[in-house]
Amino acid sequence: MTWRTLEADGCEWQVRAVPRPEEGGQDEPDRDEVLEFRTAEGTRPPRRLAVRAGALANMDEGALRAAYLQARPIGGDHYGRPGKTMSDMR
């Protein structure tokens, strides 16, 4: 599989689409996928965003950048720190 790449926030991000884990039928044609953004160096936590199946193939550079901006680090809070409660959530 060839990863697409995106330059953002001073890093090179590798982007791929993975099937969204769901219960039920695995062969549904309109099933959602998860875009996964990972740094090439592994210096930042991965980010994920749910999209329609096949969306990555149709994204241009602008759409890919917009998806990156919507994606959030996995695990922990918005900033990727496990267990930290954000001040606006109290």
PDB file of N, CA and C in Angstrom:
ATOM      1  N   MET A   1       0.833  -1.180   0.000  1.00  0.00           N
ATOM      2  CA  MET A   1       0.000   0.000   0.000  1.00  0.00           C
ATOM      3  C   MET A   1       0.881   1.248   0.000  1.00  0.00           C
ATOM      4  N   THR A   2       0.581   2.187  -0.869  1.00  0.00           N
ATOM      5  CA  THR A   2       1.295   3.448  -0.915  1.00  0.00           C
ATOM      6  C   THR A   2       0.580   4.469  -0.047  1.00  0.00           C
ATOM      7  N   TRP A   3       1.315   5.088   0.848  1.00  0.00           N
ATOM      8  CA  TRP A   3       0.758   6.121   1.711  1.00  0.00           C
ATOM      9  C   TRP A   3       0.830   7.452   0.986  1.00  0.00           C
ATOM     10  N   ARG A   4      -0.213   8.242   1.114  1.00  0.00           N
ATOM     11  CA  ARG A   4      -0.159   9.620   0.630  1.00  0.00           C
ATOM     12  C   ARG A   4       0.535  10.447   1.697  1.00  0.00           C
ATOM     13  N   THR A   5       1.106  11.571   1.320  1.00  0.00           N
ATOM     14  CA  THR A   5       1.809  12.395   2.294  1.00  0.00           C
ATOM     15  C   THR A   5       1.256  13.811   2.291  1.00  0.00           C
ATOM     16  N   LEU A   6       1.446  14.476   3.436  1.00  0.00           N
ATOM     17  CA  LEU A   6       0.955  15.833   3.628  1.00  0.00           C
ATOM     18  C   LEU A   6       1.935  16.551   4.539  1.00  0.00           C
ATOM     19  N   GLU A   7       2.333  17.765   4.176  1.00  0.00           N
ATOM     20  CA  GLU A   7       3.176  18.596   5.029  1.00  0.00           C
ATOM     21  C   GLU A   7       2.264  19.494   5.847  1.00  0.00           C
ATOM     22  N   ALA A   8       2.332  19.378   7.188  1.00  0.00           N
ATOM     23  CA  ALA A   8       1.511  20.203   8.071  1.00  0.00           C
ATOM     24  C   ALA A   8       2.157  20.271   9.448  1.00  0.00           C
ATOM     25  N   ASP A   9       2.029  21.405  10.091  1.00  0.00           N
ATOM     26  CA  ASP A   9       2.551  21.614  11.449  1.00  0.00           C
ATOM     27  C   ASP A   9       4.028  21.260  11.565  1.00  0.00           C
ATOM     28  N   GLY A  10       4.788  21.525  10.529  1.00  0.00           N
ATOM     29  CA  GLY A  10       6.228  21.294  10.556  1.00  0.00           C
ATOM     30  C   GLY A  10       6.645  19.839  10.443  1.00  0.00           C
ATOM     31  N   CYS A  11       5.730  18.962  10.056  1.00  0.00           N
ATOM     32  CA  CYS A  11       6.021  17.525   9.928  1.00  0.00           C
ATOM     33  C   CYS A  11       5.496  17.007   8.593  1.00  0.00           C
ATOM     34  N   GLU A  12       6.072  15.887   8.183  1.00  0.00           N
ATOM     35  CA  GLU A  12       5.511  15.168   7.042  1.00  0.00           C
ATOM     36  C   GLU A  12       4.602  14.090   7.605  1.00  0.00           C
ATOM     37  N   TRP A  13       3.336  14.108   7.214  1.00  0.00           N
ATOM     38  CA  TRP A  13       2.345  13.144   7.684  1.00  0.00           C
ATOM     39  C   TRP A  13       2.064  12.142   6.586  1.00  0.00           C
ATOM     40  N   GLN A  14       2.005  10.869   6.946  1.00  0.00           N
ATOM     41  CA  GLN A  14       1.611   9.816   6.031  1.00  0.00           C
ATOM     42  C   GLN A  14       0.129   9.546   6.278  1.00  0.00           C
ATOM     43  N   VAL A  15      -0.626   9.389   5.196  1.00  0.00           N
ATOM     44  CA  VAL A  15      -2.077   9.231   5.306  1.00  0.00           C
ATOM     45  C   VAL A  15      -2.498   7.931   4.620  1.00  0.00           C
ATOM     46  N   ARG A  16      -3.354   7.175   5.315  1.00  0.00           N
ATOM     47  CA  ARG A  16      -3.931   5.972   4.706  1.00  0.00           C
ATOM     48  C   ARG A  16      -5.365   5.824   5.188  1.00  0.00           C
ATOM     49  N   ALA A  17      -6.142   5.051   4.465  1.00  0.00           N
ATOM     50  CA  ALA A  17      -7.521   4.754   4.848  1.00  0.00           C
ATOM     51  C   ALA A  17      -7.578   3.313   5.319  1.00  0.00           C
ATOM     52  N   VAL A  18      -8.190   3.115   6.487  1.00  0.00           N
ATOM     53  CA  VAL A  18      -8.354   1.772   7.031  1.00  0.00           C
ATOM     54  C   VAL A  18      -9.839   1.529   7.251  1.00  0.00           C
ATOM     55  N   PRO A  19     -10.297   0.301   7.124  1.00  0.00           N
ATOM     56  CA  PRO A  19     -11.724   0.024   7.355  1.00  0.00           C
ATOM     57  C   PRO A  19     -12.096   0.371   8.789  1.00  0.00           C
ATOM     58  N   ARG A  20     -13.261   0.950   8.951  1.00  0.00           N
ATOM     59  CA  ARG A  20     -13.750   1.307  10.286  1.00  0.00           C
ATOM     60  C   ARG A  20     -14.268   0.049  10.962  1.00  0.00           C
ATOM     61  N   PRO A  21     -13.757  -0.251  12.149  1.00  0.00           N
ATOM     62  CA  PRO A  21     -14.238  -1.461  12.825  1.00  0.00           C
ATOM     63  C   PRO A  21     -15.672  -1.282  13.312  1.00  0.00           C
ATOM     64  N   GLU A  22     -16.546  -2.141  12.857  1.00  0.00           N
ATOM     65  CA  GLU A  22     -17.957  -2.090  13.234  1.00  0.00           C
ATOM     66  C   GLU A  22     -18.481  -3.507  13.373  1.00  0.00           C
ATOM     67  N   GLU A  23     -19.512  -3.637  14.145  1.00  0.00           N
ATOM     68  CA  GLU A  23     -20.181  -4.930  14.214  1.00  0.00           C
ATOM     69  C   GLU A  23     -21.108  -5.059  13.021  1.00  0.00           C
ATOM     70  N   GLY A  24     -21.374  -6.267  12.624  1.00  0.00           N
ATOM     71  CA  GLY A  24     -22.297  -6.479  11.515  1.00  0.00           C
ATOM     72  C   GLY A  24     -21.564  -6.855  10.249  1.00  0.00           C
ATOM     73  N   GLY A  25     -22.212  -6.567   9.118  1.00  0.00           N
ATOM     74  CA  GLY A  25     -21.689  -6.964   7.814  1.00  0.00           C
ATOM     75  C   GLY A  25     -20.386  -6.286   7.455  1.00  0.00           C
ATOM     76  N   GLN A  26     -19.425  -7.077   7.056  1.00  0.00           N
ATOM     77  CA  GLN A  26     -18.126  -6.557   6.672  1.00  0.00           C
ATOM     78  C   GLN A  26     -18.069  -6.163   5.195  1.00  0.00           C
ATOM     79  N   ASP A  27     -19.034  -6.582   4.414  1.00  0.00           N
ATOM     80  CA  ASP A  27     -18.976  -6.364   2.975  1.00  0.00           C
ATOM     81  C   ASP A  27     -19.926  -5.273   2.496  1.00  0.00           C
ATOM     82  N   GLU A  28     -20.292  -4.351   3.358  1.00  0.00           N
ATOM     83  CA  GLU A  28     -21.196  -3.280   2.954  1.00  0.00           C
ATOM     84  C   GLU A  28     -20.441  -2.291   2.062  1.00  0.00           C
ATOM     85  N   PRO A  29     -20.954  -1.983   0.858  1.00  0.00           N
ATOM     86  CA  PRO A  29     -20.220  -1.137  -0.070  1.00  0.00           C
ATOM     87  C   PRO A  29     -20.090   0.319   0.377  1.00  0.00           C
ATOM     88  N   ASP A  30     -21.040   0.832   1.157  1.00  0.00           N
ATOM     89  CA  ASP A  30     -20.980   2.235   1.558  1.00  0.00           C
ATOM     90  C   ASP A  30     -20.425   2.398   2.978  1.00  0.00           C
ATOM     91  N   ARG A  31     -19.681   1.440   3.426  1.00  0.00           N
ATOM     92  CA  ARG A  31     -19.116   1.437   4.769  1.00  0.00           C
ATOM     93  C   ARG A  31     -18.113   2.573   4.942  1.00  0.00           C
ATOM     94  N   ASP A  32     -18.100   3.149   6.121  1.00  0.00           N
ATOM     95  CA  ASP A  32     -17.146   4.219   6.409  1.00  0.00           C
ATOM     96  C   ASP A  32     -15.741   3.663   6.584  1.00  0.00           C
ATOM     97  N   GLU A  33     -14.754   4.550   6.380  1.00  0.00           N
ATOM     98  CA  GLU A  33     -13.357   4.234   6.623  1.00  0.00           C
ATOM     99  C   GLU A  33     -12.816   5.256   7.609  1.00  0.00           C
ATOM    100  N   VAL A  34     -11.639   4.993   8.104  1.00  0.00           N
ATOM    101  CA  VAL A  34     -10.961   5.923   8.992  1.00  0.00           C
ATOM    102  C   VAL A  34      -9.691   6.381   8.301  1.00  0.00           C
ATOM    103  N   LEU A  35      -9.545   7.707   8.154  1.00  0.00           N
ATOM    104  CA  LEU A  35      -8.282   8.250   7.660  1.00  0.00           C
ATOM    105  C   LEU A  35      -7.334   8.294   8.839  1.00  0.00           C
ATOM    106  N   GLU A  36      -6.156   7.756   8.654  1.00  0.00           N
ATOM    107  CA  GLU A  36      -5.161   7.732   9.713  1.00  0.00           C
ATOM    108  C   GLU A  36      -3.968   8.563   9.268  1.00  0.00           C
ATOM    109  N   PHE A  37      -3.613   9.547  10.072  1.00  0.00           N
ATOM    110  CA  PHE A  37      -2.482  10.426   9.808  1.00  0.00           C
ATOM    111  C   PHE A  37      -1.376  10.060  10.789  1.00  0.00           C
ATOM    112  N   ARG A  38      -0.199   9.707  10.289  1.00  0.00           N
ATOM    113  CA  ARG A  38       0.957   9.382  11.134  1.00  0.00           C
ATOM    114  C   ARG A  38       2.170  10.148  10.616  1.00  0.00           C
ATOM    115  N   THR A  39       3.003  10.634  11.548  1.00  0.00           N
ATOM    116  CA  THR A  39       4.227  11.309  11.116  1.00  0.00           C
ATOM    117  C   THR A  39       5.214  10.265  10.624  1.00  0.00           C
ATOM    118  N   ALA A  40       6.005  10.647   9.649  1.00  0.00           N
ATOM    119  CA  ALA A  40       6.995   9.733   9.092  1.00  0.00           C
ATOM    120  C   ALA A  40       8.027   9.359  10.151  1.00  0.00           C
ATOM    121  N   GLU A  41       8.339  10.298  11.053  1.00  0.00           N
ATOM    122  CA  GLU A  41       9.341  10.057  12.091  1.00  0.00           C
ATOM    123  C   GLU A  41       8.749   9.461  13.364  1.00  0.00           C
ATOM    124  N   GLY A  42       7.433   9.449  13.500  1.00  0.00           N
ATOM    125  CA  GLY A  42       6.789   8.939  14.695  1.00  0.00           C
ATOM    126  C   GLY A  42       6.919   9.864  15.892  1.00  0.00           C
ATOM    127  N   THR A  43       7.096  11.164  15.651  1.00  0.00           N
ATOM    128  CA  THR A  43       7.313  12.121  16.732  1.00  0.00           C
ATOM    129  C   THR A  43       6.022  12.688  17.325  1.00  0.00           C
ATOM    130  N   ARG A  44       4.910  12.487  16.664  1.00  0.00           N
ATOM    131  CA  ARG A  44       3.627  12.988  17.167  1.00  0.00           C
ATOM    132  C   ARG A  44       2.616  11.850  17.195  1.00  0.00           C
ATOM    133  N   PRO A  45       1.588  11.966  18.069  1.00  0.00           N
ATOM    134  CA  PRO A  45       0.590  10.894  18.111  1.00  0.00           C
ATOM    135  C   PRO A  45      -0.230  10.854  16.827  1.00  0.00           C
ATOM    136  N   PRO A  46      -0.671   9.661  16.421  1.00  0.00           N
ATOM    137  CA  PRO A  46      -1.500   9.543  15.217  1.00  0.00           C
ATOM    138  C   PRO A  46      -2.813  10.307  15.382  1.00  0.00           C
ATOM    139  N   ARG A  47      -3.387  10.712  14.255  1.00  0.00           N
ATOM    140  CA  ARG A  47      -4.692  11.376  14.235  1.00  0.00           C
ATOM    141  C   ARG A  47      -5.609  10.538  13.372  1.00  0.00           C
ATOM    142  N   ARG A  48      -6.891  10.544  13.696  1.00  0.00           N
ATOM    143  CA  ARG A  48      -7.856   9.761  12.914  1.00  0.00           C
ATOM    144  C   ARG A  48      -9.118  10.563  12.667  1.00  0.00           C
ATOM    145  N   LEU A  49      -9.766  10.252  11.541  1.00  0.00           N
ATOM    146  CA  LEU A  49     -11.020  10.901  11.157  1.00  0.00           C
ATOM    147  C   LEU A  49     -11.838   9.905  10.347  1.00  0.00           C
ATOM    148  N   ALA A  50     -13.118   9.741  10.694  1.00  0.00           N
ATOM    149  CA  ALA A  50     -14.014   8.858   9.941  1.00  0.00           C
ATOM    150  C   ALA A  50     -14.494   9.578   8.678  1.00  0.00           C
ATOM    151  N   VAL A  51     -14.442   8.882   7.551  1.00  0.00           N
ATOM    152  CA  VAL A  51     -14.886   9.411   6.258  1.00  0.00           C
ATOM    153  C   VAL A  51     -15.646   8.316   5.523  1.00  0.00           C
ATOM    154  N   ARG A  52     -16.301   8.675   4.443  1.00  0.00           N
ATOM    155  CA  ARG A  52     -16.975   7.694   3.592  1.00  0.00           C
ATOM    156  C   ARG A  52     -15.939   6.826   2.894  1.00  0.00           C
ATOM    157  N   ALA A  53     -16.295   5.590   2.641  1.00  0.00           N
ATOM    158  CA  ALA A  53     -15.396   4.665   1.952  1.00  0.00           C
ATOM    159  C   ALA A  53     -14.998   5.224   0.595  1.00  0.00           C
ATOM    160  N   GLY A  54     -13.722   5.154   0.283  1.00  0.00           N
ATOM    161  CA  GLY A  54     -13.209   5.632  -0.999  1.00  0.00           C
ATOM    162  C   GLY A  54     -12.939   7.116  -1.058  1.00  0.00           C
ATOM    163  N   ALA A  55     -13.155   7.842   0.028  1.00  0.00           N
ATOM    164  CA  ALA A  55     -12.982   9.303   0.013  1.00  0.00           C
ATOM    165  C   ALA A  55     -11.532   9.710  -0.212  1.00  0.00           C
ATOM    166  N   LEU A  56     -10.585   8.969   0.334  1.00  0.00           N
ATOM    167  CA  LEU A  56      -9.171   9.331   0.204  1.00  0.00           C
ATOM    168  C   LEU A  56      -8.732   9.373  -1.254  1.00  0.00           C
ATOM    169  N   ALA A  57      -9.214   8.442  -2.053  1.00  0.00           N
ATOM    170  CA  ALA A  57      -8.830   8.400  -3.467  1.00  0.00           C
ATOM    171  C   ALA A  57      -9.303   9.636  -4.230  1.00  0.00           C
ATOM    172  N   ASN A  58     -10.388  10.254  -3.751  1.00  0.00           N
ATOM    173  CA  ASN A  58     -10.945  11.417  -4.443  1.00  0.00           C
ATOM    174  C   ASN A  58     -10.497  12.751  -3.867  1.00  0.00           C
ATOM    175  N   MET A  59      -9.672  12.733  -2.824  1.00  0.00           N
ATOM    176  CA  MET A  59      -9.253  13.985  -2.176  1.00  0.00           C
ATOM    177  C   MET A  59      -8.080  14.624  -2.901  1.00  0.00           C
ATOM    178  N   ASP A  60      -8.206  15.937  -3.124  1.00  0.00           N
ATOM    179  CA  ASP A  60      -7.060  16.690  -3.625  1.00  0.00           C
ATOM    180  C   ASP A  60      -6.286  17.213  -2.407  1.00  0.00           C
ATOM    181  N   GLU A  61      -5.252  18.004  -2.643  1.00  0.00           N
ATOM    182  CA  GLU A  61      -4.410  18.520  -1.554  1.00  0.00           C
ATOM    183  C   GLU A  61      -5.211  19.353  -0.556  1.00  0.00           C
ATOM    184  N   GLY A  62      -6.117  20.178  -1.031  1.00  0.00           N
ATOM    185  CA  GLY A  62      -6.937  21.016  -0.150  1.00  0.00           C
ATOM    186  C   GLY A  62      -7.875  20.201   0.721  1.00  0.00           C
ATOM    187  N   ALA A  63      -8.502  19.194   0.147  1.00  0.00           N
ATOM    188  CA  ALA A  63      -9.412  18.338   0.916  1.00  0.00           C
ATOM    189  C   ALA A  63      -8.653  17.503   1.940  1.00  0.00           C
ATOM    190  N   LEU A  64      -7.456  17.074   1.581  1.00  0.00           N
ATOM    191  CA  LEU A  64      -6.636  16.299   2.505  1.00  0.00           C
ATOM    192  C   LEU A  64      -6.211  17.170   3.690  1.00  0.00           C
ATOM    193  N   ARG A  65      -5.849  18.411   3.423  1.00  0.00           N
ATOM    194  CA  ARG A  65      -5.470  19.343   4.487  1.00  0.00           C
ATOM    195  C   ARG A  65      -6.668  19.638   5.394  1.00  0.00           C
ATOM    196  N   ALA A  66      -7.853  19.798   4.812  1.00  0.00           N
ATOM    197  CA  ALA A  66      -9.064  20.032   5.608  1.00  0.00           C
ATOM    198  C   ALA A  66      -9.362  18.827   6.500  1.00  0.00           C
ATOM    199  N   ALA A  67      -9.173  17.631   5.985  1.00  0.00           N
ATOM    200  CA  ALA A  67      -9.395  16.417   6.781  1.00  0.00           C
ATOM    201  C   ALA A  67      -8.381  16.351   7.924  1.00  0.00           C
ATOM    202  N   TYR A  68      -7.144  16.722   7.654  1.00  0.00           N
ATOM    203  CA  TYR A  68      -6.115  16.739   8.707  1.00  0.00           C
ATOM    204  C   TYR A  68      -6.504  17.697   9.830  1.00  0.00           C
ATOM    205  N   LEU A  69      -7.013  18.858   9.469  1.00  0.00           N
ATOM    206  CA  LEU A  69      -7.397  19.848  10.475  1.00  0.00           C
ATOM    207  C   LEU A  69      -8.570  19.374  11.325  1.00  0.00           C
ATOM    208  N   GLN A  70      -9.426  18.524  10.779  1.00  0.00           N
ATOM    209  CA  GLN A  70     -10.560  17.978  11.536  1.00  0.00           C
ATOM    210  C   GLN A  70     -10.156  16.793  12.403  1.00  0.00           C
ATOM    211  N   ALA A  71      -9.109  16.091  12.007  1.00  0.00           N
ATOM    212  CA  ALA A  71      -8.663  14.904  12.736  1.00  0.00           C
ATOM    213  C   ALA A  71      -8.074  15.310  14.084  1.00  0.00           C
ATOM    214  N   ARG A  72      -8.243  14.459  15.062  1.00  0.00           N
ATOM    215  CA  ARG A  72      -7.734  14.700  16.407  1.00  0.00           C
ATOM    216  C   ARG A  72      -6.810  13.553  16.812  1.00  0.00           C
ATOM    217  N   PRO A  73      -5.842  13.842  17.682  1.00  0.00           N
ATOM    218  CA  PRO A  73      -4.984  12.747  18.165  1.00  0.00           C
ATOM    219  C   PRO A  73      -5.817  11.677  18.839  1.00  0.00           C
ATOM    220  N   ILE A  74      -5.406  10.431  18.689  1.00  0.00           N
ATOM    221  CA  ILE A  74      -6.140   9.337  19.323  1.00  0.00           C
ATOM    222  C   ILE A  74      -5.648   9.161  20.750  1.00  0.00           C
ATOM    223  N   GLY A  75      -6.551   8.809  21.629  1.00  0.00           N
ATOM    224  CA  GLY A  75      -6.191   8.606  23.027  1.00  0.00           C
ATOM    225  C   GLY A  75      -5.978   9.926  23.743  1.00  0.00           C
ATOM    226  N   GLY A  76      -6.313   9.967  25.011  1.00  0.00           N
ATOM    227  CA  GLY A  76      -6.088  11.171  25.791  1.00  0.00           C
ATOM    228  C   GLY A  76      -7.044  12.279  25.414  1.00  0.00           C
ATOM    229  N   ASP A  77      -6.692  13.500  25.753  1.00  0.00           N
ATOM    230  CA  ASP A  77      -7.535  14.647  25.454  1.00  0.00           C
ATOM    231  C   ASP A  77      -7.219  15.207  24.069  1.00  0.00           C
ATOM    232  N   HIS A  78      -7.734  16.376  23.775  1.00  0.00           N
ATOM    233  CA  HIS A  78      -7.540  17.032  22.478  1.00  0.00           C
ATOM    234  C   HIS A  78      -6.063  17.183  22.131  1.00  0.00           C
ATOM    235  N   TYR A  79      -5.217  17.370  23.135  1.00  0.00           N
ATOM    236  CA  TYR A  79      -3.793  17.584  22.903  1.00  0.00           C
ATOM    237  C   TYR A  79      -2.987  16.300  22.992  1.00  0.00           C
ATOM    238  N   GLY A  80      -3.648  15.149  23.181  1.00  0.00           N
ATOM    239  CA  GLY A  80      -2.962  13.876  23.196  1.00  0.00           C
ATOM    240  C   GLY A  80      -2.375  13.483  24.533  1.00  0.00           C
ATOM    241  N   ARG A  81      -2.754  14.176  25.614  1.00  0.00           N
ATOM    242  CA  ARG A  81      -2.215  13.836  26.929  1.00  0.00           C
ATOM    243  C   ARG A  81      -3.222  12.954  27.660  1.00  0.00           C
ATOM    244  N   PRO A  82      -2.875  11.698  27.899  1.00  0.00           N
ATOM    245  CA  PRO A  82      -3.822  10.790  28.549  1.00  0.00           C
ATOM    246  C   PRO A  82      -4.171  11.247  29.966  1.00  0.00           C
ATOM    247  N   GLY A  83      -5.459  11.209  30.289  1.00  0.00           N
ATOM    248  CA  GLY A  83      -5.903  11.499  31.630  1.00  0.00           C
ATOM    249  C   GLY A  83      -6.044  12.952  32.000  1.00  0.00           C
ATOM    250  N   LYS A  84      -5.627  13.874  31.146  1.00  0.00           N
ATOM    251  CA  LYS A  84      -5.720  15.296  31.478  1.00  0.00           C
ATOM    252  C   LYS A  84      -7.085  15.814  31.084  1.00  0.00           C
ATOM    253  N   THR A  85      -7.777  16.468  32.005  1.00  0.00           N
ATOM    254  CA  THR A  85      -9.085  17.056  31.714  1.00  0.00           C
ATOM    255  C   THR A  85      -8.889  18.463  31.198  1.00  0.00           C
ATOM    256  N   MET A  86      -9.518  18.778  30.103  1.00  0.00           N
ATOM    257  CA  MET A  86      -9.391  20.121  29.533  1.00  0.00           C
ATOM    258  C   MET A  86     -10.185  21.118  30.385  1.00  0.00           C
ATOM    259  N   SER A  87      -9.697  22.326  30.473  1.00  0.00           N
ATOM    260  CA  SER A  87     -10.282  23.337  31.347  1.00  0.00           C
ATOM    261  C   SER A  87     -11.716  23.673  30.962  1.00  0.00           C
ATOM    262  N   ASP A  88     -12.076  23.627  29.706  1.00  0.00           N
ATOM    263  CA  ASP A  88     -13.426  23.988  29.293  1.00  0.00           C
ATOM    264  C   ASP A  88     -14.430  22.836  29.466  1.00  0.00           C
ATOM    265  N   MET A  89     -13.992  21.700  29.978  1.00  0.00           N
ATOM    266  CA  MET A  89     -14.862  20.545  30.180  1.00  0.00           C
ATOM    267  C   MET A  89     -15.379  20.441  31.612  1.00  0.00           C
ATOM    268  N   ARG A  90     -15.012  21.350  32.490  1.00  0.00           N
ATOM    269  CA  ARG A  90     -15.401  21.266  33.897  1.00  0.00           C
ATOM    270  C   ARG A  90     -16.749  21.844  34.134  1.00  0.00           C
TER     271      ARG A  90
END
